[in-house]
Protein backbone atom coordinates (compact mmCIF):
# COMPACT_ATOMS: atom_id res chain seq x y z
CA UNK A 1 -13.12 -32.69 -8.13
CA UNK A 2 -11.67 -29.60 -9.87
CA UNK A 3 -7.95 -29.33 -10.41
CA UNK A 4 -5.85 -26.19 -9.93
CA UNK A 5 -6.18 -25.29 -13.62
CA UNK A 6 -9.99 -25.10 -13.48
CA UNK A 7 -11.53 -21.67 -13.02
CA UNK A 8 -14.36 -21.25 -10.53
CA UNK A 9 -17.21 -19.04 -11.75
CA UNK A 10 -19.28 -17.05 -9.28
CA UNK A 11 -22.73 -15.59 -9.92
CA UNK A 12 -22.94 -12.07 -8.50
CA UNK A 13 -26.33 -12.78 -6.91
CA UNK A 14 -24.39 -15.14 -4.61
CA UNK A 15 -22.01 -12.38 -3.43
CA UNK A 16 -22.81 -10.39 -0.30
CA UNK A 17 -22.40 -6.61 -0.77
CA UNK A 18 -20.11 -5.01 1.83
CA UNK A 19 -19.46 -1.40 2.71
CA UNK A 20 -15.97 -0.08 1.96
CA UNK A 21 -13.97 1.26 4.90
CA UNK A 22 -11.61 4.08 4.00
CA UNK A 23 -8.19 5.10 5.27
CA UNK A 24 -8.48 8.27 3.18
CA UNK A 25 -11.83 8.81 1.46
CA UNK A 26 -12.20 8.51 -1.53
CA UNK A 27 -8.58 7.67 -2.37
CA UNK A 28 -7.29 4.78 -0.23
CA UNK A 29 -9.56 1.99 1.05
CA UNK A 30 -8.57 -0.25 3.97
CA UNK A 31 -7.65 -3.81 3.05
CA UNK A 32 -7.14 -3.13 -0.64
CA UNK A 33 -4.06 -2.68 -2.78
CA UNK A 34 -3.63 0.92 -3.88
CA UNK A 35 -1.61 1.56 -7.04
CA UNK A 36 -0.29 5.01 -7.90
CA UNK A 37 0.56 5.46 -11.58
CA UNK A 38 1.77 8.45 -13.53
CA UNK A 39 4.49 9.91 -15.69
CA UNK A 40 8.05 10.22 -14.42
CA UNK A 41 8.70 13.24 -12.20
CA UNK A 42 4.98 13.79 -11.45
CA UNK A 43 5.67 13.47 -7.70
CA UNK A 44 4.15 10.02 -7.14
CA UNK A 45 6.80 8.84 -4.70
CA UNK A 46 6.85 12.11 -2.76
CA UNK A 47 3.06 12.13 -2.39
CA UNK A 48 2.78 8.46 -1.44
CA UNK A 49 5.59 8.65 1.10
CA UNK A 50 4.02 11.76 2.68
CA UNK A 51 0.78 9.80 3.10
CA UNK A 52 2.73 6.80 4.45
CA UNK A 53 4.56 9.04 6.92
CA UNK A 54 1.25 10.39 8.22
CA UNK A 55 -0.15 6.87 8.55
CA UNK A 56 2.89 5.58 10.47
CA UNK A 57 2.68 8.42 13.00
CA UNK A 58 -1.10 8.57 13.27
CA UNK A 59 -1.41 12.05 11.77
CA UNK A 60 -4.60 13.02 9.98
CA UNK A 61 -4.56 12.99 6.18
CA UNK A 62 -5.59 16.13 4.26
CA UNK A 63 -9.32 16.89 4.43
CA UNK A 64 -9.88 13.96 6.81
CA UNK A 65 -12.16 14.21 9.80
CA UNK A 66 -9.87 12.21 12.08
CA UNK A 67 -6.64 10.25 12.04
CA UNK A 68 -6.81 6.47 12.00
CA UNK A 69 -4.00 6.05 14.53
CA UNK A 70 -0.44 4.87 13.91
CA UNK A 71 -0.30 1.88 11.55
CA UNK A 72 2.28 -0.01 9.55
CA UNK A 73 2.59 0.46 5.78
CA UNK A 74 3.73 -2.11 3.21
CA UNK A 75 5.40 -0.26 0.35
CA UNK A 76 6.55 -1.53 -3.03
CA UNK A 77 8.53 0.46 -5.53
CA UNK A 78 9.75 -0.51 -8.97
CA UNK A 79 11.91 2.51 -9.70
CA UNK A 80 13.17 4.31 -6.58
CA UNK A 81 16.24 3.41 -4.51
CA UNK A 82 15.54 2.58 -0.87
CA UNK A 83 18.54 4.39 0.61
CA UNK A 84 18.83 7.41 -1.65
CA UNK A 85 15.15 8.16 -2.30
CA UNK A 86 12.63 6.28 -0.15
CA UNK A 87 14.39 6.54 3.22
CA UNK A 88 15.36 10.18 2.71
CA UNK A 89 11.81 11.20 1.82
CA UNK A 90 10.36 9.25 4.74
CA UNK A 91 12.72 10.95 7.17
CA UNK A 92 11.94 14.36 5.65
CA UNK A 93 8.21 13.64 6.08
CA UNK A 94 8.66 12.60 9.73
CA UNK A 95 7.73 8.94 9.24
CA UNK A 96 8.10 6.26 11.89
CA UNK A 97 10.44 4.11 9.78
CA UNK A 98 9.90 1.18 12.16
CA UNK A 99 6.35 1.00 10.77
CA UNK A 100 7.46 1.14 7.10
CA UNK A 101 7.85 -2.28 5.50
CA UNK A 102 9.30 -2.55 2.00
CA UNK A 103 8.86 -5.61 -0.19
CA UNK A 104 12.31 -7.05 -0.90
CA UNK A 105 12.46 -8.07 -4.55
CA UNK A 106 16.21 -8.79 -4.59
CA UNK A 107 15.72 -12.58 -4.76
CA UNK A 108 12.13 -12.91 -6.02
CA UNK A 109 10.10 -10.35 -7.93
CA UNK A 110 6.60 -9.46 -6.83
CA UNK A 111 3.84 -10.76 -9.09
CA UNK A 112 0.08 -10.91 -8.97
CA UNK A 113 0.32 -14.61 -8.18
CA UNK A 114 2.17 -14.16 -4.87
CA UNK A 115 0.48 -16.46 -2.38
CA UNK A 116 2.18 -15.55 0.89
CA UNK A 117 4.63 -13.06 2.35
CA UNK A 118 6.66 -13.20 5.52
CA UNK A 119 7.81 -10.27 7.61
CA UNK A 120 11.46 -10.63 8.53
């Protein structure tokens, strides 16, 4: 029996290929983590929060055929204040803030080894 320190290896001929479903083709796939990276002051937060606002209200994204319907968004930021930046930009973009969920890192920082999250 393997312990938790043992890595499991998978041969790719054993993996079933699956079609990707897109929230916004070809930028944001459903069910995947999307990371936006760039230099300071490039407009990353403004762009992402505009997309999030559209998603929370069910508005169509640019160059999309149809809107996906109102959905919740989990948002994580490492550099912007929630009250003075994130909330203001969401309100300016017309977001349904009840559908915006922000990861609270005040007591525990997010890492790639996070196993579970709870919505409070």
